[in-house]
Amino acid sequence: KTIKHGVLIFDSATILITLTILYAHFLGE
């Protein structure tokens, strides 16, 4: 309930970027 929108956007972007990196690492060309 206390998470700010800016922090939510940052965390979402960070997790998305990290998961994309992991996906590319394990399943990429």
mmCIF file of all heavy atoms, coordinates in Angstrom:
data_MODEL
# 
_entry.id   MODEL 
# 
loop_
_atom_site.group_PDB 
_atom_site.id 
_atom_site.type_symbol 
_atom_site.label_atom_id 
_atom_site.label_alt_id 
_atom_site.label_comp_id 
_atom_site.label_asym_id 
_atom_site.label_entity_id 
_atom_site.label_seq_id 
_atom_site.pdbx_PDB_ins_code 
_atom_site.Cartn_x 
_atom_site.Cartn_y 
_atom_site.Cartn_z 
_atom_site.occupancy 
_atom_site.B_iso_or_equiv 
_atom_site.pdbx_formal_charge 
_atom_site.auth_seq_id 
_atom_site.auth_comp_id 
_atom_site.auth_asym_id 
_atom_site.auth_atom_id 
_atom_site.pdbx_PDB_model_num 
ATOM 1   N N   . LYS A 1 1  ? 0.804  -1.223  0.000   1.00 0.00 ? 1  LYS A N   1 
ATOM 2   C CA  . LYS A 1 1  ? 0.000  0.000   0.000   1.00 0.00 ? 1  LYS A CA  1 
ATOM 3   C C   . LYS A 1 1  ? 0.837  1.272   0.000   1.00 0.00 ? 1  LYS A C   1 
ATOM 4   O O   . LYS A 1 1  ? 0.336  2.343   -0.287  1.00 0.00 ? 1  LYS A O   1 
ATOM 5   C CB  . LYS A 1 1  ? -0.925 0.009   1.218   1.00 0.00 ? 1  LYS A CB  1 
ATOM 6   C CG  . LYS A 1 1  ? -2.018 -1.058  1.158   1.00 0.00 ? 1  LYS A CG  1 
ATOM 7   C CD  . LYS A 1 1  ? -2.948 -0.955  2.352   1.00 0.00 ? 1  LYS A CD  1 
ATOM 8   C CE  . LYS A 1 1  ? -4.048 -2.006  2.289   1.00 0.00 ? 1  LYS A CE  1 
ATOM 9   N NZ  . LYS A 1 1  ? -4.957 -1.923  3.460   1.00 0.00 ? 1  LYS A NZ  1 
ATOM 10  N N   . THR A 1 2  ? 2.098  1.185   0.370   1.00 0.00 ? 2  THR A N   1 
ATOM 11  C CA  . THR A 1 2  ? 2.925  2.393   0.488   1.00 0.00 ? 2  THR A CA  1 
ATOM 12  C C   . THR A 1 2  ? 3.901  2.568   -0.675  1.00 0.00 ? 2  THR A C   1 
ATOM 13  O O   . THR A 1 2  ? 4.666  3.507   -0.692  1.00 0.00 ? 2  THR A O   1 
ATOM 14  C CB  . THR A 1 2  ? 3.740  2.346   1.797   1.00 0.00 ? 2  THR A CB  1 
ATOM 15  O OG1 . THR A 1 2  ? 4.569  1.176   1.796   1.00 0.00 ? 2  THR A OG1 1 
ATOM 16  C CG2 . THR A 1 2  ? 2.821  2.302   3.006   1.00 0.00 ? 2  THR A CG2 1 
ATOM 17  N N   . ILE A 1 3  ? 3.891  1.660   -1.637  1.00 0.00 ? 3  ILE A N   1 
ATOM 18  C CA  . ILE A 1 3  ? 4.806  1.754   -2.771  1.00 0.00 ? 3  ILE A CA  1 
ATOM 19  C C   . ILE A 1 3  ? 4.373  2.905   -3.686  1.00 0.00 ? 3  ILE A C   1 
ATOM 20  O O   . ILE A 1 3  ? 3.219  2.993   -4.093  1.00 0.00 ? 3  ILE A O   1 
ATOM 21  C CB  . ILE A 1 3  ? 4.841  0.441   -3.577  1.00 0.00 ? 3  ILE A CB  1 
ATOM 22  C CG1 . ILE A 1 3  ? 5.358  -0.694  -2.697  1.00 0.00 ? 3  ILE A CG1 1 
ATOM 23  C CG2 . ILE A 1 3  ? 5.703  0.577   -4.819  1.00 0.00 ? 3  ILE A CG2 1 
ATOM 24  C CD1 . ILE A 1 3  ? 6.808  -0.587  -2.325  1.00 0.00 ? 3  ILE A CD1 1 
ATOM 25  N N   . LYS A 1 4  ? 5.308  3.771   -4.028  1.00 0.00 ? 4  LYS A N   1 
ATOM 26  C CA  . LYS A 1 4  ? 5.021  4.888   -4.925  1.00 0.00 ? 4  LYS A CA  1 
ATOM 27  C C   . LYS A 1 4  ? 4.978  4.397   -6.373  1.00 0.00 ? 4  LYS A C   1 
ATOM 28  O O   . LYS A 1 4  ? 5.585  3.391   -6.725  1.00 0.00 ? 4  LYS A O   1 
ATOM 29  C CB  . LYS A 1 4  ? 6.090  5.976   -4.782  1.00 0.00 ? 4  LYS A CB  1 
ATOM 30  C CG  . LYS A 1 4  ? 6.134  6.628   -3.417  1.00 0.00 ? 4  LYS A CG  1 
ATOM 31  C CD  . LYS A 1 4  ? 7.021  7.864   -3.423  1.00 0.00 ? 4  LYS A CD  1 
ATOM 32  C CE  . LYS A 1 4  ? 8.449  7.540   -3.800  1.00 0.00 ? 4  LYS A CE  1 
ATOM 33  N NZ  . LYS A 1 4  ? 9.318  8.728   -3.753  1.00 0.00 ? 4  LYS A NZ  1 
ATOM 34  N N   . HIS A 1 5  ? 4.290  5.179   -7.223  1.00 0.00 ? 5  HIS A N   1 
ATOM 35  C CA  . HIS A 1 5  ? 4.163  4.806   -8.630  1.00 0.00 ? 5  HIS A CA  1 
ATOM 36  C C   . HIS A 1 5  ? 5.527  4.784   -9.322  1.00 0.00 ? 5  HIS A C   1 
ATOM 37  O O   . HIS A 1 5  ? 5.799  3.901   -10.141 1.00 0.00 ? 5  HIS A O   1 
ATOM 38  C CB  . HIS A 1 5  ? 3.225  5.775   -9.355  1.00 0.00 ? 5  HIS A CB  1 
ATOM 39  C CG  . HIS A 1 5  ? 1.798  5.668   -8.915  1.00 0.00 ? 5  HIS A CG  1 
ATOM 40  N ND1 . HIS A 1 5  ? 1.055  4.524   -9.112  1.00 0.00 ? 5  HIS A ND1 1 
ATOM 41  C CD2 . HIS A 1 5  ? 0.990  6.554   -8.271  1.00 0.00 ? 5  HIS A CD2 1 
ATOM 42  C CE1 . HIS A 1 5  ? -0.171 4.700   -8.629  1.00 0.00 ? 5  HIS A CE1 1 
ATOM 43  N NE2 . HIS A 1 5  ? -0.236 5.924   -8.106  1.00 0.00 ? 5  HIS A NE2 1 
ATOM 44  N N   . GLY A 1 6  ? 6.380  5.759   -8.979  1.00 0.00 ? 6  GLY A N   1 
ATOM 45  C CA  . GLY A 1 6  ? 7.706  5.818   -9.582  1.00 0.00 ? 6  GLY A CA  1 
ATOM 46  C C   . GLY A 1 6  ? 8.545  4.594   -9.260  1.00 0.00 ? 6  GLY A C   1 
ATOM 47  O O   . GLY A 1 6  ? 9.235  4.037   -10.120 1.00 0.00 ? 6  GLY A O   1 
ATOM 48  N N   . VAL A 1 7  ? 8.456  4.145   -7.999  1.00 0.00 ? 7  VAL A N   1 
ATOM 49  C CA  . VAL A 1 7  ? 9.194  2.959   -7.559  1.00 0.00 ? 7  VAL A CA  1 
ATOM 50  C C   . VAL A 1 7  ? 8.628  1.716   -8.240  1.00 0.00 ? 7  VAL A C   1 
ATOM 51  O O   . VAL A 1 7  ? 9.378  0.833   -8.660  1.00 0.00 ? 7  VAL A O   1 
ATOM 52  C CB  . VAL A 1 7  ? 9.117  2.809   -6.021  1.00 0.00 ? 7  VAL A CB  1 
ATOM 53  C CG1 . VAL A 1 7  ? 9.849  1.551   -5.565  1.00 0.00 ? 7  VAL A CG1 1 
ATOM 54  C CG2 . VAL A 1 7  ? 9.697  4.035   -5.340  1.00 0.00 ? 7  VAL A CG2 1 
ATOM 55  N N   . LEU A 1 8  ? 7.301  1.670   -8.360  1.00 0.00 ? 8  LEU A N   1 
ATOM 56  C CA  . LEU A 1 8  ? 6.651  0.539   -9.024  1.00 0.00 ? 8  LEU A CA  1 
ATOM 57  C C   . LEU A 1 8  ? 7.108  0.418   -10.477 1.00 0.00 ? 8  LEU A C   1 
ATOM 58  O O   . LEU A 1 8  ? 7.409  -0.678  -10.963 1.00 0.00 ? 8  LEU A O   1 
ATOM 59  C CB  . LEU A 1 8  ? 5.132  0.708   -8.964  1.00 0.00 ? 8  LEU A CB  1 
ATOM 60  C CG  . LEU A 1 8  ? 4.284  -0.378  -9.659  1.00 0.00 ? 8  LEU A CG  1 
ATOM 61  C CD1 . LEU A 1 8  ? 4.533  -1.737  -9.013  1.00 0.00 ? 8  LEU A CD1 1 
ATOM 62  C CD2 . LEU A 1 8  ? 2.815  -0.010  -9.608  1.00 0.00 ? 8  LEU A CD2 1 
ATOM 63  N N   . ILE A 1 9  ? 7.190  1.558   -11.159 1.00 0.00 ? 9  ILE A N   1 
ATOM 64  C CA  . ILE A 1 9  ? 7.645  1.570   -12.561 1.00 0.00 ? 9  ILE A CA  1 
ATOM 65  C C   . ILE A 1 9  ? 9.098  1.108   -12.650 1.00 0.00 ? 9  ILE A C   1 
ATOM 66  O O   . ILE A 1 9  ? 9.460  0.296   -13.513 1.00 0.00 ? 9  ILE A O   1 
ATOM 67  C CB  . ILE A 1 9  ? 7.482  2.982   -13.171 1.00 0.00 ? 9  ILE A CB  1 
ATOM 68  C CG1 . ILE A 1 9  ? 5.994  3.339   -13.303 1.00 0.00 ? 9  ILE A CG1 1 
ATOM 69  C CG2 . ILE A 1 9  ? 8.169  3.065   -14.541 1.00 0.00 ? 9  ILE A CG2 1 
ATOM 70  C CD1 . ILE A 1 9  ? 5.740  4.790   -13.641 1.00 0.00 ? 9  ILE A CD1 1 
ATOM 71  N N   . PHE A 1 10 ? 9.935  1.628   -11.731 1.00 0.00 ? 10 PHE A N   1 
ATOM 72  C CA  . PHE A 1 10 ? 11.356 1.253   -11.739 1.00 0.00 ? 10 PHE A CA  1 
ATOM 73  C C   . PHE A 1 10 ? 11.528 -0.240  -11.495 1.00 0.00 ? 10 PHE A C   1 
ATOM 74  O O   . PHE A 1 10 ? 12.271 -0.917  -12.215 1.00 0.00 ? 10 PHE A O   1 
ATOM 75  C CB  . PHE A 1 10 ? 12.126 2.051   -10.686 1.00 0.00 ? 10 PHE A CB  1 
ATOM 76  C CG  . PHE A 1 10 ? 13.601 1.731   -10.639 1.00 0.00 ? 10 PHE A CG  1 
ATOM 77  C CD1 . PHE A 1 10 ? 14.498 2.458   -11.398 1.00 0.00 ? 10 PHE A CD1 1 
ATOM 78  C CD2 . PHE A 1 10 ? 14.093 0.713   -9.831  1.00 0.00 ? 10 PHE A CD2 1 
ATOM 79  C CE1 . PHE A 1 10 ? 15.868 2.161   -11.372 1.00 0.00 ? 10 PHE A CE1 1 
ATOM 80  C CE2 . PHE A 1 10 ? 15.445 0.412   -9.793  1.00 0.00 ? 10 PHE A CE2 1 
ATOM 81  C CZ  . PHE A 1 10 ? 16.337 1.139   -10.562 1.00 0.00 ? 10 PHE A CZ  1 
ATOM 82  N N   . ASP A 1 11 ? 10.837 -0.747  -10.472 1.00 0.00 ? 11 ASP A N   1 
ATOM 83  C CA  . ASP A 1 11 ? 10.960 -2.174  -10.130 1.00 0.00 ? 11 ASP A CA  1 
ATOM 84  C C   . ASP A 1 11 ? 10.428 -3.061  -11.253 1.00 0.00 ? 11 ASP A C   1 
ATOM 85  O O   . ASP A 1 11 ? 11.036 -4.089  -11.578 1.00 0.00 ? 11 ASP A O   1 
ATOM 86  C CB  . ASP A 1 11 ? 10.215 -2.471  -8.834  1.00 0.00 ? 11 ASP A CB  1 
ATOM 87  C CG  . ASP A 1 11 ? 10.968 -1.963  -7.610  1.00 0.00 ? 11 ASP A CG  1 
ATOM 88  O OD1 . ASP A 1 11 ? 12.178 -1.738  -7.724  1.00 0.00 ? 11 ASP A OD1 1 
ATOM 89  O OD2 . ASP A 1 11 ? 10.338 -1.789  -6.554  1.00 0.00 ? 11 ASP A OD2 1 
ATOM 90  N N   . SER A 1 12 ? 9.317  -2.664  -11.841 1.00 0.00 ? 12 SER A N   1 
ATOM 91  C CA  . SER A 1 12 ? 8.743  -3.445  -12.946 1.00 0.00 ? 12 SER A CA  1 
ATOM 92  C C   . SER A 1 12 ? 9.702  -3.479  -14.130 1.00 0.00 ? 12 SER A C   1 
ATOM 93  O O   . SER A 1 12 ? 9.919  -4.550  -14.736 1.00 0.00 ? 12 SER A O   1 
ATOM 94  C CB  . SER A 1 12 ? 7.401  -2.846  -13.383 1.00 0.00 ? 12 SER A CB  1 
ATOM 95  O OG  . SER A 1 12 ? 6.491  -2.816  -12.307 1.00 0.00 ? 12 SER A OG  1 
ATOM 96  N N   . ALA A 1 13 ? 10.275 -2.304  -14.448 1.00 0.00 ? 13 ALA A N   1 
ATOM 97  C CA  . ALA A 1 13 ? 11.227 -2.223  -15.571 1.00 0.00 ? 13 ALA A CA  1 
ATOM 98  C C   . ALA A 1 13 ? 12.472 -3.046  -15.280 1.00 0.00 ? 13 ALA A C   1 
ATOM 99  O O   . ALA A 1 13 ? 12.983 -3.751  -16.159 1.00 0.00 ? 13 ALA A O   1 
ATOM 100 C CB  . ALA A 1 13 ? 11.596 -0.764  -15.825 1.00 0.00 ? 13 ALA A CB  1 
ATOM 101 N N   . THR A 1 14 ? 12.972 -2.967  -14.036 1.00 0.00 ? 14 THR A N   1 
ATOM 102 C CA  . THR A 1 14 ? 14.174 -3.715  -13.645 1.00 0.00 ? 14 THR A CA  1 
ATOM 103 C C   . THR A 1 14 ? 13.950 -5.222  -13.753 1.00 0.00 ? 14 THR A C   1 
ATOM 104 O O   . THR A 1 14 ? 14.784 -5.942  -14.313 1.00 0.00 ? 14 THR A O   1 
ATOM 105 C CB  . THR A 1 14 ? 14.585 -3.360  -12.204 1.00 0.00 ? 14 THR A CB  1 
ATOM 106 O OG1 . THR A 1 14 ? 14.842 -1.954  -12.119 1.00 0.00 ? 14 THR A OG1 1 
ATOM 107 C CG2 . THR A 1 14 ? 15.848 -4.110  -11.805 1.00 0.00 ? 14 THR A CG2 1 
ATOM 108 N N   . ILE A 1 15 ? 12.819 -5.688  -13.216 1.00 0.00 ? 15 ILE A N   1 
ATOM 109 C CA  . ILE A 1 15 ? 12.515 -7.115  -13.267 1.00 0.00 ? 15 ILE A CA  1 
ATOM 110 C C   . ILE A 1 15 ? 12.320 -7.576  -14.714 1.00 0.00 ? 15 ILE A C   1 
ATOM 111 O O   . ILE A 1 15 ? 12.804 -8.644  -15.120 1.00 0.00 ? 15 ILE A O   1 
ATOM 112 C CB  . ILE A 1 15 ? 11.258 -7.434  -12.427 1.00 0.00 ? 15 ILE A CB  1 
ATOM 113 C CG1 . ILE A 1 15 ? 11.559 -7.235  -10.937 1.00 0.00 ? 15 ILE A CG1 1 
ATOM 114 C CG2 . ILE A 1 15 ? 10.780 -8.866  -12.681 1.00 0.00 ? 15 ILE A CG2 1 
ATOM 115 C CD1 . ILE A 1 15 ? 10.356 -7.372  -10.036 1.00 0.00 ? 15 ILE A CD1 1 
ATOM 116 N N   . LEU A 1 16 ? 11.654 -6.739  -15.516 1.00 0.00 ? 16 LEU A N   1 
ATOM 117 C CA  . LEU A 1 16 ? 11.427 -7.071  -16.928 1.00 0.00 ? 16 LEU A CA  1 
ATOM 118 C C   . LEU A 1 16 ? 12.754 -7.175  -17.689 1.00 0.00 ? 16 LEU A C   1 
ATOM 119 O O   . LEU A 1 16 ? 12.970 -8.123  -18.459 1.00 0.00 ? 16 LEU A O   1 
ATOM 120 C CB  . LEU A 1 16 ? 10.528 -6.009  -17.570 1.00 0.00 ? 16 LEU A CB  1 
ATOM 121 C CG  . LEU A 1 16 ? 10.174 -6.236  -19.049 1.00 0.00 ? 16 LEU A CG  1 
ATOM 122 C CD1 . LEU A 1 16 ? 9.385  -7.531  -19.212 1.00 0.00 ? 16 LEU A CD1 1 
ATOM 123 C CD2 . LEU A 1 16 ? 9.381  -5.052  -19.592 1.00 0.00 ? 16 LEU A CD2 1 
ATOM 124 N N   . ILE A 1 17 ? 13.640 -6.199  -17.446 1.00 0.00 ? 17 ILE A N   1 
ATOM 125 C CA  . ILE A 1 17 ? 14.958 -6.208  -18.105 1.00 0.00 ? 17 ILE A CA  1 
ATOM 126 C C   . ILE A 1 17 ? 15.764 -7.438  -17.676 1.00 0.00 ? 17 ILE A C   1 
ATOM 127 O O   . ILE A 1 17 ? 16.368 -8.118  -18.510 1.00 0.00 ? 17 ILE A O   1 
ATOM 128 C CB  . ILE A 1 17 ? 15.735 -4.908  -17.775 1.00 0.00 ? 17 ILE A CB  1 
ATOM 129 C CG1 . ILE A 1 17 ? 15.076 -3.704  -18.450 1.00 0.00 ? 17 ILE A CG1 1 
ATOM 130 C CG2 . ILE A 1 17 ? 17.202 -5.024  -18.224 1.00 0.00 ? 17 ILE A CG2 1 
ATOM 131 C CD1 . ILE A 1 17 ? 15.610 -2.367  -17.966 1.00 0.00 ? 17 ILE A CD1 1 
ATOM 132 N N   . THR A 1 18 ? 15.740 -7.721  -16.354 1.00 0.00 ? 18 THR A N   1 
ATOM 133 C CA  . THR A 1 18 ? 16.492 -8.863  -15.830 1.00 0.00 ? 18 THR A CA  1 
ATOM 134 C C   . THR A 1 18 ? 15.977 -10.173 -16.402 1.00 0.00 ? 18 THR A C   1 
ATOM 135 O O   . THR A 1 18 ? 16.764 -11.041 -16.817 1.00 0.00 ? 18 THR A O   1 
ATOM 136 C CB  . THR A 1 18 ? 16.421 -8.897  -14.295 1.00 0.00 ? 18 THR A CB  1 
ATOM 137 O OG1 . THR A 1 18 ? 16.871 -7.636  -13.771 1.00 0.00 ? 18 THR A OG1 1 
ATOM 138 C CG2 . THR A 1 18 ? 17.301 -9.995  -13.731 1.00 0.00 ? 18 THR A CG2 1 
ATOM 139 N N   . LEU A 1 19 ? 14.648 -10.336 -16.445 1.00 0.00 ? 19 LEU A N   1 
ATOM 140 C CA  . LEU A 1 19 ? 14.058 -11.568 -16.997 1.00 0.00 ? 19 LEU A CA  1 
ATOM 141 C C   . LEU A 1 19 ? 14.343 -11.701 -18.488 1.00 0.00 ? 19 LEU A C   1 
ATOM 142 O O   . LEU A 1 19 ? 14.561 -12.816 -18.993 1.00 0.00 ? 19 LEU A O   1 
ATOM 143 C CB  . LEU A 1 19 ? 12.544 -11.579 -16.747 1.00 0.00 ? 19 LEU A CB  1 
ATOM 144 C CG  . LEU A 1 19 ? 12.109 -11.740 -15.282 1.00 0.00 ? 19 LEU A CG  1 
ATOM 145 C CD1 . LEU A 1 19 ? 10.589 -11.646 -15.159 1.00 0.00 ? 19 LEU A CD1 1 
ATOM 146 C CD2 . LEU A 1 19 ? 12.604 -13.065 -14.703 1.00 0.00 ? 19 LEU A CD2 1 
ATOM 147 N N   . THR A 1 20 ? 14.361 -10.578 -19.201 1.00 0.00 ? 20 THR A N   1 
ATOM 148 C CA  . THR A 1 20 ? 14.698 -10.590 -20.631 1.00 0.00 ? 20 THR A CA  1 
ATOM 149 C C   . THR A 1 20 ? 16.136 -11.046 -20.839 1.00 0.00 ? 20 THR A C   1 
ATOM 150 O O   . THR A 1 20 ? 16.439 -11.836 -21.741 1.00 0.00 ? 20 THR A O   1 
ATOM 151 C CB  . THR A 1 20 ? 14.501 -9.184  -21.245 1.00 0.00 ? 20 THR A CB  1 
ATOM 152 O OG1 . THR A 1 20 ? 13.160 -8.759  -21.018 1.00 0.00 ? 20 THR A OG1 1 
ATOM 153 C CG2 . THR A 1 20 ? 14.793 -9.196  -22.737 1.00 0.00 ? 20 THR A CG2 1 
ATOM 154 N N   . ILE A 1 21 ? 17.037 -10.542 -19.977 1.00 0.00 ? 21 ILE A N   1 
ATOM 155 C CA  . ILE A 1 21 ? 18.448 -10.946 -20.042 1.00 0.00 ? 21 ILE A CA  1 
ATOM 156 C C   . ILE A 1 21 ? 18.588 -12.445 -19.775 1.00 0.00 ? 21 ILE A C   1 
ATOM 157 O O   . ILE A 1 21 ? 19.313 -13.155 -20.484 1.00 0.00 ? 21 ILE A O   1 
ATOM 158 C CB  . ILE A 1 21 ? 19.286 -10.131 -19.034 1.00 0.00 ? 21 ILE A CB  1 
ATOM 159 C CG1 . ILE A 1 21 ? 19.390 -8.666  -19.480 1.00 0.00 ? 21 ILE A CG1 1 
ATOM 160 C CG2 . ILE A 1 21 ? 20.695 -10.720 -18.886 1.00 0.00 ? 21 ILE A CG2 1 
ATOM 161 C CD1 . ILE A 1 21 ? 20.019 -7.751  -18.439 1.00 0.00 ? 21 ILE A CD1 1 
ATOM 162 N N   . LEU A 1 22 ? 17.872 -12.941 -18.758 1.00 0.00 ? 22 LEU A N   1 
ATOM 163 C CA  . LEU A 1 22 ? 17.931 -14.369 -18.420 1.00 0.00 ? 22 LEU A CA  1 
ATOM 164 C C   . LEU A 1 22 ? 17.341 -15.224 -19.539 1.00 0.00 ? 22 LEU A C   1 
ATOM 165 O O   . LEU A 1 22 ? 17.877 -16.301 -19.864 1.00 0.00 ? 22 LEU A O   1 
ATOM 166 C CB  . LEU A 1 22 ? 17.175 -14.624 -17.111 1.00 0.00 ? 22 LEU A CB  1 
ATOM 167 C CG  . LEU A 1 22 ? 17.790 -14.023 -15.843 1.00 0.00 ? 22 LEU A CG  1 
ATOM 168 C CD1 . LEU A 1 22 ? 16.889 -14.267 -14.645 1.00 0.00 ? 22 LEU A CD1 1 
ATOM 169 C CD2 . LEU A 1 22 ? 19.182 -14.594 -15.587 1.00 0.00 ? 22 LEU A CD2 1 
ATOM 170 N N   . TYR A 1 23 ? 16.254 -14.750 -20.140 1.00 0.00 ? 23 TYR A N   1 
ATOM 171 C CA  . TYR A 1 23 ? 15.641 -15.481 -21.260 1.00 0.00 ? 23 TYR A CA  1 
ATOM 172 C C   . TYR A 1 23 ? 16.611 -15.574 -22.438 1.00 0.00 ? 23 TYR A C   1 
ATOM 173 O O   . TYR A 1 23 ? 16.783 -16.651 -23.029 1.00 0.00 ? 23 TYR A O   1 
ATOM 174 C CB  . TYR A 1 23 ? 14.350 -14.780 -21.689 1.00 0.00 ? 23 TYR A CB  1 
ATOM 175 C CG  . TYR A 1 23 ? 13.701 -15.391 -22.914 1.00 0.00 ? 23 TYR A CG  1 
ATOM 176 C CD1 . TYR A 1 23 ? 12.877 -16.507 -22.788 1.00 0.00 ? 23 TYR A CD1 1 
ATOM 177 C CD2 . TYR A 1 23 ? 13.931 -14.863 -24.182 1.00 0.00 ? 23 TYR A CD2 1 
ATOM 178 C CE1 . TYR A 1 23 ? 12.291 -17.088 -23.909 1.00 0.00 ? 23 TYR A CE1 1 
ATOM 179 C CE2 . TYR A 1 23 ? 13.366 -15.438 -25.311 1.00 0.00 ? 23 TYR A CE2 1 
ATOM 180 C CZ  . TYR A 1 23 ? 12.541 -16.549 -25.175 1.00 0.00 ? 23 TYR A CZ  1 
ATOM 181 O OH  . TYR A 1 23 ? 11.975 -17.123 -26.278 1.00 0.00 ? 23 TYR A OH  1 
ATOM 182 N N   . ALA A 1 24 ? 17.232 -14.449 -22.757 1.00 0.00 ? 24 ALA A N   1 
ATOM 183 C CA  . ALA A 1 24 ? 18.202 -14.430 -23.865 1.00 0.00 ? 24 ALA A CA  1 
ATOM 184 C C   . ALA A 1 24 ? 19.399 -15.329 -23.558 1.00 0.00 ? 24 ALA A C   1 
ATOM 185 O O   . ALA A 1 24 ? 19.955 -15.980 -24.447 1.00 0.00 ? 24 ALA A O   1 
ATOM 186 C CB  . ALA A 1 24 ? 18.656 -13.001 -24.131 1.00 0.00 ? 24 ALA A CB  1 
ATOM 187 N N   . HIS A 1 25 ? 19.776 -15.353 -22.268 1.00 0.00 ? 25 HIS A N   1 
ATOM 188 C CA  . HIS A 1 25 ? 20.947 -16.147 -21.874 1.00 0.00 ? 25 HIS A CA  1 
ATOM 189 C C   . HIS A 1 25 ? 20.671 -17.646 -22.015 1.00 0.00 ? 25 HIS A C   1 
ATOM 190 O O   . HIS A 1 25 ? 21.535 -18.404 -22.485 1.00 0.00 ? 25 HIS A O   1 
ATOM 191 C CB  . HIS A 1 25 ? 21.327 -15.825 -20.424 1.00 0.00 ? 25 HIS A CB  1 
ATOM 192 C CG  . HIS A 1 25 ? 22.496 -16.620 -19.930 1.00 0.00 ? 25 HIS A CG  1 
ATOM 193 N ND1 . HIS A 1 25 ? 23.793 -16.207 -20.095 1.00 0.00 ? 25 HIS A ND1 1 
ATOM 194 C CD2 . HIS A 1 25 ? 22.567 -17.817 -19.275 1.00 0.00 ? 25 HIS A CD2 1 
ATOM 195 C CE1 . HIS A 1 25 ? 24.614 -17.108 -19.572 1.00 0.00 ? 25 HIS A CE1 1 
ATOM 196 N NE2 . HIS A 1 25 ? 23.890 -18.094 -19.061 1.00 0.00 ? 25 HIS A NE2 1 
ATOM 197 N N   . PHE A 1 26 ? 19.492 -18.088 -21.602 1.00 0.00 ? 26 PHE A N   1 
ATOM 198 C CA  . PHE A 1 26 ? 19.192 -19.515 -21.595 1.00 0.00 ? 26 PHE A CA  1 
ATOM 199 C C   . PHE A 1 26 ? 18.571 -20.003 -22.908 1.00 0.00 ? 26 PHE A C   1 
ATOM 200 O O   . PHE A 1 26 ? 18.798 -21.146 -23.319 1.00 0.00 ? 26 PHE A O   1 
ATOM 201 C CB  . PHE A 1 26 ? 18.253 -19.855 -20.430 1.00 0.00 ? 26 PHE A CB  1 
ATOM 202 C CG  . PHE A 1 26 ? 18.917 -19.773 -19.088 1.00 0.00 ? 26 PHE A CG  1 
ATOM 203 C CD1 . PHE A 1 26 ? 18.596 -18.750 -18.201 1.00 0.00 ? 26 PHE A CD1 1 
ATOM 204 C CD2 . PHE A 1 26 ? 19.873 -20.700 -18.704 1.00 0.00 ? 26 PHE A CD2 1 
ATOM 205 C CE1 . PHE A 1 26 ? 19.208 -18.664 -16.964 1.00 0.00 ? 26 PHE A CE1 1 
ATOM 206 C CE2 . PHE A 1 26 ? 20.492 -20.619 -17.465 1.00 0.00 ? 26 PHE A CE2 1 
ATOM 207 C CZ  . PHE A 1 26 ? 20.172 -19.601 -16.592 1.00 0.00 ? 26 PHE A CZ  1 
ATOM 208 N N   . LEU A 1 27 ? 17.781 -19.154 -23.565 1.00 0.00 ? 27 LEU A N   1 
ATOM 209 C CA  . LEU A 1 27 ? 17.021 -19.611 -24.738 1.00 0.00 ? 27 LEU A CA  1 
ATOM 210 C C   . LEU A 1 27 ? 17.352 -18.859 -26.025 1.00 0.00 ? 27 LEU A C   1 
ATOM 211 O O   . LEU A 1 27 ? 16.804 -19.175 -27.074 1.00 0.00 ? 27 LEU A O   1 
ATOM 212 C CB  . LEU A 1 27 ? 15.508 -19.486 -24.459 1.00 0.00 ? 27 LEU A CB  1 
ATOM 213 C CG  . LEU A 1 27 ? 14.997 -20.283 -23.239 1.00 0.00 ? 27 LEU A CG  1 
ATOM 214 C CD1 . LEU A 1 27 ? 13.543 -19.937 -22.961 1.00 0.00 ? 27 LEU A CD1 1 
ATOM 215 C CD2 . LEU A 1 27 ? 15.163 -21.778 -23.457 1.00 0.00 ? 27 LEU A CD2 1 
ATOM 216 N N   . GLY A 1 28 ? 18.216 -17.841 -25.926 1.00 0.00 ? 28 GLY A N   1 
ATOM 217 C CA  . GLY A 1 28 ? 18.565 -17.053 -27.110 1.00 0.00 ? 28 GLY A CA  1 
ATOM 218 C C   . GLY A 1 28 ? 19.493 -17.802 -28.046 1.00 0.00 ? 28 GLY A C   1 
ATOM 219 O O   . GLY A 1 28 ? 19.964 -18.914 -27.762 1.00 0.00 ? 28 GLY A O   1 
ATOM 220 N N   . GLU A 1 29 ? 19.779 -17.179 -29.198 1.00 0.00 ? 29 GLU A N   1 
ATOM 221 C CA  . GLU A 1 29 ? 20.659 -17.783 -30.199 1.00 0.00 ? 29 GLU A CA  1 
ATOM 222 C C   . GLU A 1 29 ? 22.064 -18.027 -29.660 1.00 0.00 ? 29 GLU A C   1 
ATOM 223 O O   . GLU A 1 29 ? 22.705 -19.033 -29.970 1.00 0.00 ? 29 GLU A O   1 
ATOM 224 C CB  . GLU A 1 29 ? 20.733 -16.878 -31.435 1.00 0.00 ? 29 GLU A CB  1 
ATOM 225 C CG  . GLU A 1 29 ? 19.442 -16.813 -32.222 1.00 0.00 ? 29 GLU A CG  1 
ATOM 226 C CD  . GLU A 1 29 ? 19.585 -15.960 -33.469 1.00 0.00 ? 29 GLU A CD  1 
ATOM 227 O OE1 . GLU A 1 29 ? 20.751 -15.649 -33.829 1.00 0.00 ? 29 GLU A OE1 1 
ATOM 228 O OE2 . GLU A 1 29 ? 18.567 -15.619 -34.079 1.00 0.00 ? 29 GLU A OE2 1 
# 
